[in-house]
């Protein structure tokens, strides 16, 4: 199994500086989601690449479809005003 996310004090966000509560490590699933959204996929570009890779890993698209899928996903984000 992959390693768990690092403790919040190792994240790029200074929770104390911004007056935010650090993520709760007792709920491991939500903690991983918070880490993913705060540290791994912080831009629409990151999300487009991650979603493409997930679809490839899941066998939903082939390597030859990755570029087309990523373009579609980016266009969807743009249409939703997320870019």
PDB file of N, CA and C in Angstrom:
ATOM      1  N   UNK A   1       0.847  -1.187   0.000  1.00  0.00           N
ATOM      2  CA  UNK A   1       0.000   0.000   0.000  1.00  0.00           C
ATOM      3  C   UNK A   1       0.886   1.242   0.000  1.00  0.00           C
ATOM      4  N   UNK A   2       0.432   2.265  -0.635  1.00  0.00           N
ATOM      5  CA  UNK A   2       1.194   3.516  -0.710  1.00  0.00           C
ATOM      6  C   UNK A   2       1.308   4.157   0.670  1.00  0.00           C
ATOM      7  N   UNK A   3       2.283   4.984   0.802  1.00  0.00           N
ATOM      8  CA  UNK A   3       2.472   5.710   2.053  1.00  0.00           C
ATOM      9  C   UNK A   3       1.318   6.666   2.302  1.00  0.00           C
ATOM     10  N   UNK A   4       1.053   6.915   3.581  1.00  0.00           N
ATOM     11  CA  UNK A   4       0.060   7.921   3.936  1.00  0.00           C
ATOM     12  C   UNK A   4       0.642   9.304   3.688  1.00  0.00           C
ATOM     13  N   UNK A   5      -0.208  10.302   3.497  1.00  0.00           N
ATOM     14  CA  UNK A   5       0.280  11.670   3.319  1.00  0.00           C
ATOM     15  C   UNK A   5       1.100  12.103   4.534  1.00  0.00           C
ATOM     16  N   UNK A   6       2.014  13.031   4.332  1.00  0.00           N
ATOM     17  CA  UNK A   6       2.807  13.531   5.455  1.00  0.00           C
ATOM     18  C   UNK A   6       1.936  14.321   6.430  1.00  0.00           C
ATOM     19  N   UNK A   7       2.446  14.564   7.628  1.00  0.00           N
ATOM     20  CA  UNK A   7       1.676  15.366   8.582  1.00  0.00           C
ATOM     21  C   UNK A   7       1.482  16.788   8.050  1.00  0.00           C
ATOM     22  N   UNK A   8       0.407  17.460   8.487  1.00  0.00           N
ATOM     23  CA  UNK A   8       0.083  18.796   7.953  1.00  0.00           C
ATOM     24  C   UNK A   8       1.221  19.809   8.062  1.00  0.00           C
ATOM     25  N   UNK A   9       2.052  19.704   9.065  1.00  0.00           N
ATOM     26  CA  UNK A   9       3.152  20.674   9.198  1.00  0.00           C
ATOM     27  C   UNK A   9       4.186  20.541   8.083  1.00  0.00           C
ATOM     28  N   UNK A  10       4.128  19.458   7.309  1.00  0.00           N
ATOM     29  CA  UNK A  10       5.037  19.274   6.173  1.00  0.00           C
ATOM     30  C   UNK A  10       4.398  19.720   4.855  1.00  0.00           C
ATOM     31  N   UNK A  11       3.124  20.118   4.897  1.00  0.00           N
ATOM     32  CA  UNK A  11       2.443  20.569   3.684  1.00  0.00           C
ATOM     33  C   UNK A  11       2.920  21.972   3.331  1.00  0.00           C
ATOM     34  N   UNK A  12       2.631  22.398   2.117  1.00  0.00           N
ATOM     35  CA  UNK A  12       3.004  23.738   1.673  1.00  0.00           C
ATOM     36  C   UNK A  12       2.151  24.827   2.314  1.00  0.00           C
ATOM     37  N   UNK A  13       0.985  24.464   2.810  1.00  0.00           N
ATOM     38  CA  UNK A  13       0.078  25.431   3.427  1.00  0.00           C
ATOM     39  C   UNK A  13       0.481  25.653   4.873  1.00  0.00           C
ATOM     40  N   UNK A  14       0.584  26.911   5.261  1.00  0.00           N
ATOM     41  CA  UNK A  14       0.847  27.243   6.663  1.00  0.00           C
ATOM     42  C   UNK A  14      -0.515  27.503   7.314  1.00  0.00           C
ATOM     43  N   UNK A  15      -1.100  26.445   7.853  1.00  0.00           N
ATOM     44  CA  UNK A  15      -2.452  26.537   8.403  1.00  0.00           C
ATOM     45  C   UNK A  15      -2.539  27.589   9.503  1.00  0.00           C
ATOM     46  N   UNK A  16      -1.547  27.630  10.361  1.00  0.00           N
ATOM     47  CA  UNK A  16      -1.565  28.582  11.480  1.00  0.00           C
ATOM     48  C   UNK A  16      -1.511  30.019  10.969  1.00  0.00           C
ATOM     49  N   UNK A  17      -0.663  30.282   9.995  1.00  0.00           N
ATOM     50  CA  UNK A  17      -0.538  31.626   9.430  1.00  0.00           C
ATOM     51  C   UNK A  17      -1.879  32.119   8.889  1.00  0.00           C
ATOM     52  N   UNK A  18      -2.628  31.253   8.247  1.00  0.00           N
ATOM     53  CA  UNK A  18      -3.901  31.622   7.644  1.00  0.00           C
ATOM     54  C   UNK A  18      -5.075  31.463   8.600  1.00  0.00           C
ATOM     55  N   UNK A  19      -4.797  31.034   9.823  1.00  0.00           N
ATOM     56  CA  UNK A  19      -5.868  30.866  10.801  1.00  0.00           C
ATOM     57  C   UNK A  19      -6.797  29.709  10.478  1.00  0.00           C
ATOM     58  N   UNK A  20      -6.259  28.695   9.839  1.00  0.00           N
ATOM     59  CA  UNK A  20      -7.039  27.525   9.439  1.00  0.00           C
ATOM     60  C   UNK A  20      -6.749  26.346  10.356  1.00  0.00           C
ATOM     61  N   UNK A  21      -7.724  25.497  10.513  1.00  0.00           N
ATOM     62  CA  UNK A  21      -7.504  24.251  11.234  1.00  0.00           C
ATOM     63  C   UNK A  21      -6.811  23.275  10.303  1.00  0.00           C
ATOM     64  N   UNK A  22      -5.800  22.598  10.822  1.00  0.00           N
ATOM     65  CA  UNK A  22      -5.127  21.566  10.037  1.00  0.00           C
ATOM     66  C   UNK A  22      -6.091  20.399   9.823  1.00  0.00           C
ATOM     67  N   UNK A  23      -5.936  19.683   8.734  1.00  0.00           N
ATOM     68  CA  UNK A  23      -6.815  18.536   8.480  1.00  0.00           C
ATOM     69  C   UNK A  23      -6.748  17.523   9.615  1.00  0.00           C
ATOM     70  N   UNK A  24      -7.866  16.873   9.845  1.00  0.00           N
ATOM     71  CA  UNK A  24      -7.993  15.879  10.908  1.00  0.00           C
ATOM     72  C   UNK A  24      -7.447  14.542  10.424  1.00  0.00           C
ATOM     73  N   UNK A  25      -6.383  14.086  11.037  1.00  0.00           N
ATOM     74  CA  UNK A  25      -5.747  12.840  10.620  1.00  0.00           C
ATOM     75  C   UNK A  25      -6.507  11.601  11.099  1.00  0.00           C
ATOM     76  N   UNK A  26      -7.493  11.765  11.970  1.00  0.00           N
ATOM     77  CA  UNK A  26      -8.224  10.594  12.454  1.00  0.00           C
ATOM     78  C   UNK A  26      -9.181  10.038  11.398  1.00  0.00           C
ATOM     79  N   UNK A  27      -9.606  10.864  10.451  1.00  0.00           N
ATOM     80  CA  UNK A  27     -10.432  10.409   9.329  1.00  0.00           C
ATOM     81  C   UNK A  27      -9.498  10.276   8.132  1.00  0.00           C
ATOM     82  N   UNK A  28      -8.899   9.103   7.982  1.00  0.00           N
ATOM     83  CA  UNK A  28      -7.827   8.920   6.999  1.00  0.00           C
ATOM     84  C   UNK A  28      -8.284   9.168   5.567  1.00  0.00           C
ATOM     85  N   UNK A  29      -9.493   8.793   5.236  1.00  0.00           N
ATOM     86  CA  UNK A  29      -9.965   9.014   3.862  1.00  0.00           C
ATOM     87  C   UNK A  29     -10.076  10.505   3.570  1.00  0.00           C
ATOM     88  N   UNK A  30     -10.729  11.258   4.447  1.00  0.00           N
ATOM     89  CA  UNK A  30     -10.860  12.698   4.238  1.00  0.00           C
ATOM     90  C   UNK A  30      -9.496  13.370   4.286  1.00  0.00           C
ATOM     91  N   UNK A  31      -8.618  12.880   5.154  1.00  0.00           N
ATOM     92  CA  UNK A  31      -7.263  13.429   5.255  1.00  0.00           C
ATOM     93  C   UNK A  31      -6.527  13.271   3.921  1.00  0.00           C
ATOM     94  N   UNK A  32      -6.671  12.109   3.296  1.00  0.00           N
ATOM     95  CA  UNK A  32      -6.021  11.878   2.006  1.00  0.00           C
ATOM     96  C   UNK A  32      -6.629  12.766   0.923  1.00  0.00           C
ATOM     97  N   UNK A  33      -7.946  12.948   0.962  1.00  0.00           N
ATOM     98  CA  UNK A  33      -8.606  13.841   0.000  1.00  0.00           C
ATOM     99  C   UNK A  33      -8.092  15.265   0.180  1.00  0.00           C
ATOM    100  N   UNK A  34      -8.013  15.727   1.427  1.00  0.00           N
ATOM    101  CA  UNK A  34      -7.498  17.074   1.705  1.00  0.00           C
ATOM    102  C   UNK A  34      -6.077  17.227   1.189  1.00  0.00           C
ATOM    103  N   UNK A  35      -5.251  16.222   1.436  1.00  0.00           N
ATOM    104  CA  UNK A  35      -3.851  16.261   0.982  1.00  0.00           C
ATOM    105  C   UNK A  35      -3.792  16.300  -0.544  1.00  0.00           C
ATOM    106  N   UNK A  36      -4.590  15.460  -1.186  1.00  0.00           N
ATOM    107  CA  UNK A  36      -4.603  15.412  -2.650  1.00  0.00           C
ATOM    108  C   UNK A  36      -4.998  16.764  -3.235  1.00  0.00           C
ATOM    109  N   UNK A  37      -6.058  17.365  -2.670  1.00  0.00           N
ATOM    110  CA  UNK A  37      -6.550  18.635  -3.196  1.00  0.00           C
ATOM    111  C   UNK A  37      -5.649  19.808  -2.827  1.00  0.00           C
ATOM    112  N   UNK A  38      -4.949  19.726  -1.710  1.00  0.00           N
ATOM    113  CA  UNK A  38      -4.120  20.843  -1.250  1.00  0.00           C
ATOM    114  C   UNK A  38      -2.676  20.766  -1.731  1.00  0.00           C
ATOM    115  N   UNK A  39      -2.191  19.560  -1.971  1.00  0.00           N
ATOM    116  CA  UNK A  39      -0.776  19.396  -2.268  1.00  0.00           C
ATOM    117  C   UNK A  39      -0.473  18.766  -3.621  1.00  0.00           C
ATOM    118  N   UNK A  40      -1.365  17.924  -4.125  1.00  0.00           N
ATOM    119  CA  UNK A  40      -1.064  17.183  -5.348  1.00  0.00           C
ATOM    120  C   UNK A  40      -1.722  17.832  -6.564  1.00  0.00           C
ATOM    121  N   UNK A  41      -3.011  18.039  -6.502  1.00  0.00           N
ATOM    122  CA  UNK A  41      -3.764  18.608  -7.626  1.00  0.00           C
ATOM    123  C   UNK A  41      -4.301  19.967  -7.236  1.00  0.00           C
ATOM    124  N   UNK A  42      -3.481  20.960  -7.397  1.00  0.00           N
ATOM    125  CA  UNK A  42      -3.879  22.300  -6.963  1.00  0.00           C
ATOM    126  C   UNK A  42      -4.310  23.201  -8.110  1.00  0.00           C
ATOM    127  N   UNK A  43      -4.114  22.763  -9.328  1.00  0.00           N
ATOM    128  CA  UNK A  43      -4.514  23.563 -10.488  1.00  0.00           C
ATOM    129  C   UNK A  43      -5.366  22.706 -11.429  1.00  0.00           C
ATOM    130  N   UNK A  44      -6.143  23.323 -12.286  1.00  0.00           N
ATOM    131  CA  UNK A  44      -6.893  22.540 -13.278  1.00  0.00           C
ATOM    132  C   UNK A  44      -5.975  21.677 -14.157  1.00  0.00           C
ATOM    133  N   UNK A  45      -4.777  22.172 -14.437  1.00  0.00           N
ATOM    134  CA  UNK A  45      -3.816  21.396 -15.216  1.00  0.00           C
ATOM    135  C   UNK A  45      -3.459  20.108 -14.479  1.00  0.00           C
ATOM    136  N   UNK A  46      -3.237  20.209 -13.169  1.00  0.00           N
ATOM    137  CA  UNK A  46      -2.937  19.024 -12.369  1.00  0.00           C
ATOM    138  C   UNK A  46      -4.084  18.024 -12.432  1.00  0.00           C
ATOM    139  N   UNK A  47      -5.324  18.524 -12.311  1.00  0.00           N
ATOM    140  CA  UNK A  47      -6.496  17.651 -12.356  1.00  0.00           C
ATOM    141  C   UNK A  47      -6.628  16.961 -13.709  1.00  0.00           C
ATOM    142  N   UNK A  48      -6.406  17.681 -14.779  1.00  0.00           N
ATOM    143  CA  UNK A  48      -6.531  17.090 -16.109  1.00  0.00           C
ATOM    144  C   UNK A  48      -5.534  15.949 -16.275  1.00  0.00           C
ATOM    145  N   UNK A  49      -4.318  16.164 -15.840  1.00  0.00           N
ATOM    146  CA  UNK A  49      -3.296  15.107 -15.947  1.00  0.00           C
ATOM    147  C   UNK A  49      -3.641  13.925 -15.051  1.00  0.00           C
ATOM    148  N   UNK A  50      -4.083  14.202 -13.822  1.00  0.00           N
ATOM    149  CA  UNK A  50      -4.425  13.128 -12.884  1.00  0.00           C
ATOM    150  C   UNK A  50      -5.613  12.313 -13.394  1.00  0.00           C
ATOM    151  N   UNK A  51      -6.644  12.974 -13.879  1.00  0.00           N
ATOM    152  CA  UNK A  51      -7.824  12.261 -14.376  1.00  0.00           C
ATOM    153  C   UNK A  51      -7.469  11.401 -15.583  1.00  0.00           C
ATOM    154  N   UNK A  52      -6.624  11.917 -16.450  1.00  0.00           N
ATOM    155  CA  UNK A  52      -6.206  11.143 -17.620  1.00  0.00           C
ATOM    156  C   UNK A  52      -5.471   9.889 -17.172  1.00  0.00           C
ATOM    157  N   UNK A  53      -4.571  10.043 -16.234  1.00  0.00           N
ATOM    158  CA  UNK A  53      -3.816   8.897 -15.734  1.00  0.00           C
ATOM    159  C   UNK A  53      -4.733   7.886 -15.048  1.00  0.00           C
ATOM    160  N   UNK A  54      -5.688   8.361 -14.259  1.00  0.00           N
ATOM    161  CA  UNK A  54      -6.625   7.460 -13.590  1.00  0.00           C
ATOM    162  C   UNK A  54      -7.463   6.678 -14.603  1.00  0.00           C
ATOM    163  N   UNK A  55      -7.913   7.342 -15.645  1.00  0.00           N
ATOM    164  CA  UNK A  55      -8.696   6.655 -16.671  1.00  0.00           C
ATOM    165  C   UNK A  55      -7.843   5.622 -17.398  1.00  0.00           C
ATOM    166  N   UNK A  56      -6.581   5.941 -17.633  1.00  0.00           N
ATOM    167  CA  UNK A  56      -5.682   4.979 -18.262  1.00  0.00           C
ATOM    168  C   UNK A  56      -5.447   3.785 -17.337  1.00  0.00           C
ATOM    169  N   UNK A  57      -5.152   4.058 -16.077  1.00  0.00           N
ATOM    170  CA  UNK A  57      -4.879   2.988 -15.116  1.00  0.00           C
ATOM    171  C   UNK A  57      -6.097   2.096 -14.928  1.00  0.00           C
ATOM    172  N   UNK A  58      -7.280   2.659 -15.007  1.00  0.00           N
ATOM    173  CA  UNK A  58      -8.508   1.890 -14.860  1.00  0.00           C
ATOM    174  C   UNK A  58      -8.920   1.157 -16.119  1.00  0.00           C
ATOM    175  N   UNK A  59      -8.186   1.351 -17.189  1.00  0.00           N
ATOM    176  CA  UNK A  59      -8.490   0.673 -18.434  1.00  0.00           C
ATOM    177  C   UNK A  59      -9.659   1.278 -19.193  1.00  0.00           C
ATOM    178  N   UNK A  60     -10.063   2.484 -18.802  1.00  0.00           N
ATOM    179  CA  UNK A  60     -11.196   3.131 -19.476  1.00  0.00           C
ATOM    180  C   UNK A  60     -10.792   3.779 -20.786  1.00  0.00           C
ATOM    181  N   UNK A  61      -9.532   4.153 -20.883  1.00  0.00           N
ATOM    182  CA  UNK A  61      -8.996   4.679 -22.140  1.00  0.00           C
ATOM    183  C   UNK A  61      -7.629   4.050 -22.364  1.00  0.00           C
ATOM    184  N   UNK A  62      -7.262   3.930 -23.611  1.00  0.00           N
ATOM    185  CA  UNK A  62      -5.955   3.402 -23.954  1.00  0.00           C
ATOM    186  C   UNK A  62      -4.928   4.526 -24.059  1.00  0.00           C
ATOM    187  N   UNK A  63      -3.674   4.136 -24.114  1.00  0.00           N
ATOM    188  CA  UNK A  63      -2.611   5.136 -24.242  1.00  0.00           C
ATOM    189  C   UNK A  63      -2.801   6.002 -25.475  1.00  0.00           C
ATOM    190  N   UNK A  64      -3.348   5.407 -26.536  1.00  0.00           N
ATOM    191  CA  UNK A  64      -3.551   6.154 -27.770  1.00  0.00           C
ATOM    192  C   UNK A  64      -4.705   7.161 -27.659  1.00  0.00           C
ATOM    193  N   UNK A  65      -5.511   7.049 -26.605  1.00  0.00           N
ATOM    194  CA  UNK A  65      -6.640   7.959 -26.408  1.00  0.00           C
ATOM    195  C   UNK A  65      -6.358   9.025 -25.351  1.00  0.00           C
ATOM    196  N   UNK A  66      -5.212   8.944 -24.698  1.00  0.00           N
ATOM    197  CA  UNK A  66      -4.923   9.820 -23.557  1.00  0.00           C
ATOM    198  C   UNK A  66      -4.931  11.296 -23.932  1.00  0.00           C
ATOM    199  N   UNK A  67      -4.283  11.657 -25.007  1.00  0.00           N
ATOM    200  CA  UNK A  67      -4.203  13.077 -25.393  1.00  0.00           C
ATOM    201  C   UNK A  67      -5.591  13.622 -25.726  1.00  0.00           C
ATOM    202  N   UNK A  68      -6.384  12.824 -26.431  1.00  0.00           N
ATOM    203  CA  UNK A  68      -7.734  13.262 -26.786  1.00  0.00           C
ATOM    204  C   UNK A  68      -8.602  13.396 -25.531  1.00  0.00           C
ATOM    205  N   UNK A  69      -8.496  12.438 -24.613  1.00  0.00           N
ATOM    206  CA  UNK A  69      -9.270  12.510 -23.384  1.00  0.00           C
ATOM    207  C   UNK A  69      -8.864  13.727 -22.550  1.00  0.00           C
ATOM    208  N   UNK A  70      -7.549  13.966 -22.431  1.00  0.00           N
ATOM    209  CA  UNK A  70      -7.085  15.111 -21.645  1.00  0.00           C
ATOM    210  C   UNK A  70      -7.599  16.417 -22.248  1.00  0.00           C
ATOM    211  N   UNK A  71      -7.602  16.529 -23.556  1.00  0.00           N
ATOM    212  CA  UNK A  71      -8.138  17.732 -24.209  1.00  0.00           C
ATOM    213  C   UNK A  71      -9.625  17.897 -23.910  1.00  0.00           C
ATOM    214  N   UNK A  72     -10.365  16.789 -23.958  1.00  0.00           N
ATOM    215  CA  UNK A  72     -11.789  16.828 -23.641  1.00  0.00           C
ATOM    216  C   UNK A  72     -12.001  17.265 -22.196  1.00  0.00           C
ATOM    217  N   UNK A  73     -11.216  16.700 -21.277  1.00  0.00           N
ATOM    218  CA  UNK A  73     -11.362  17.039 -19.865  1.00  0.00           C
ATOM    219  C   UNK A  73     -11.046  18.519 -19.630  1.00  0.00           C
ATOM    220  N   UNK A  74      -9.996  19.024 -20.260  1.00  0.00           N
ATOM    221  CA  UNK A  74      -9.640  20.435 -20.134  1.00  0.00           C
ATOM    222  C   UNK A  74     -10.759  21.334 -20.687  1.00  0.00           C
ATOM    223  N   UNK A  75     -11.328  20.935 -21.805  1.00  0.00           N
ATOM    224  CA  UNK A  75     -12.426  21.716 -22.391  1.00  0.00           C
ATOM    225  C   UNK A  75     -13.634  21.721 -21.458  1.00  0.00           C
ATOM    226  N   UNK A  76     -13.892  20.601 -20.808  1.00  0.00           N
ATOM    227  CA  UNK A  76     -15.000  20.530 -19.848  1.00  0.00           C
ATOM    228  C   UNK A  76     -14.747  21.467 -18.672  1.00  0.00           C
ATOM    229  N   UNK A  77     -13.534  21.462 -18.140  1.00  0.00           N
ATOM    230  CA  UNK A  77     -13.185  22.380 -17.052  1.00  0.00           C
ATOM    231  C   UNK A  77     -13.372  23.832 -17.491  1.00  0.00           C
ATOM    232  N   UNK A  78     -12.927  24.141 -18.705  1.00  0.00           N
ATOM    233  CA  UNK A  78     -13.054  25.509 -19.214  1.00  0.00           C
ATOM    234  C   UNK A  78     -14.529  25.895 -19.359  1.00  0.00           C
ATOM    235  N   UNK A  79     -15.336  24.973 -19.870  1.00  0.00           N
ATOM    236  CA  UNK A  79     -16.762  25.240 -20.055  1.00  0.00           C
ATOM    237  C   UNK A  79     -17.442  25.487 -18.700  1.00  0.00           C
ATOM    238  N   UNK A  80     -16.971  24.798 -17.660  1.00  0.00           N
ATOM    239  CA  UNK A  80     -17.520  24.984 -16.325  1.00  0.00           C
ATOM    240  C   UNK A  80     -16.949  26.210 -15.614  1.00  0.00           C
ATOM    241  N   UNK A  81     -15.997  26.878 -16.266  1.00  0.00           N
ATOM    242  CA  UNK A  81     -15.390  28.069 -15.677  1.00  0.00           C
ATOM    243  C   UNK A  81     -14.387  27.763 -14.596  1.00  0.00           C
ATOM    244  N   UNK A  82     -13.751  26.604 -14.654  1.00  0.00           N
ATOM    245  CA  UNK A  82     -12.819  26.175 -13.615  1.00  0.00           C
ATOM    246  C   UNK A  82     -11.379  26.504 -13.984  1.00  0.00           C
ATOM    247  N   UNK A  83     -11.133  26.997 -15.148  1.00  0.00           N
ATOM    248  CA  UNK A  83      -9.755  27.276 -15.549  1.00  0.00           C
ATOM    249  C   UNK A  83      -9.276  28.591 -15.013  1.00  0.00           C
TER     250      UNK A  83
END
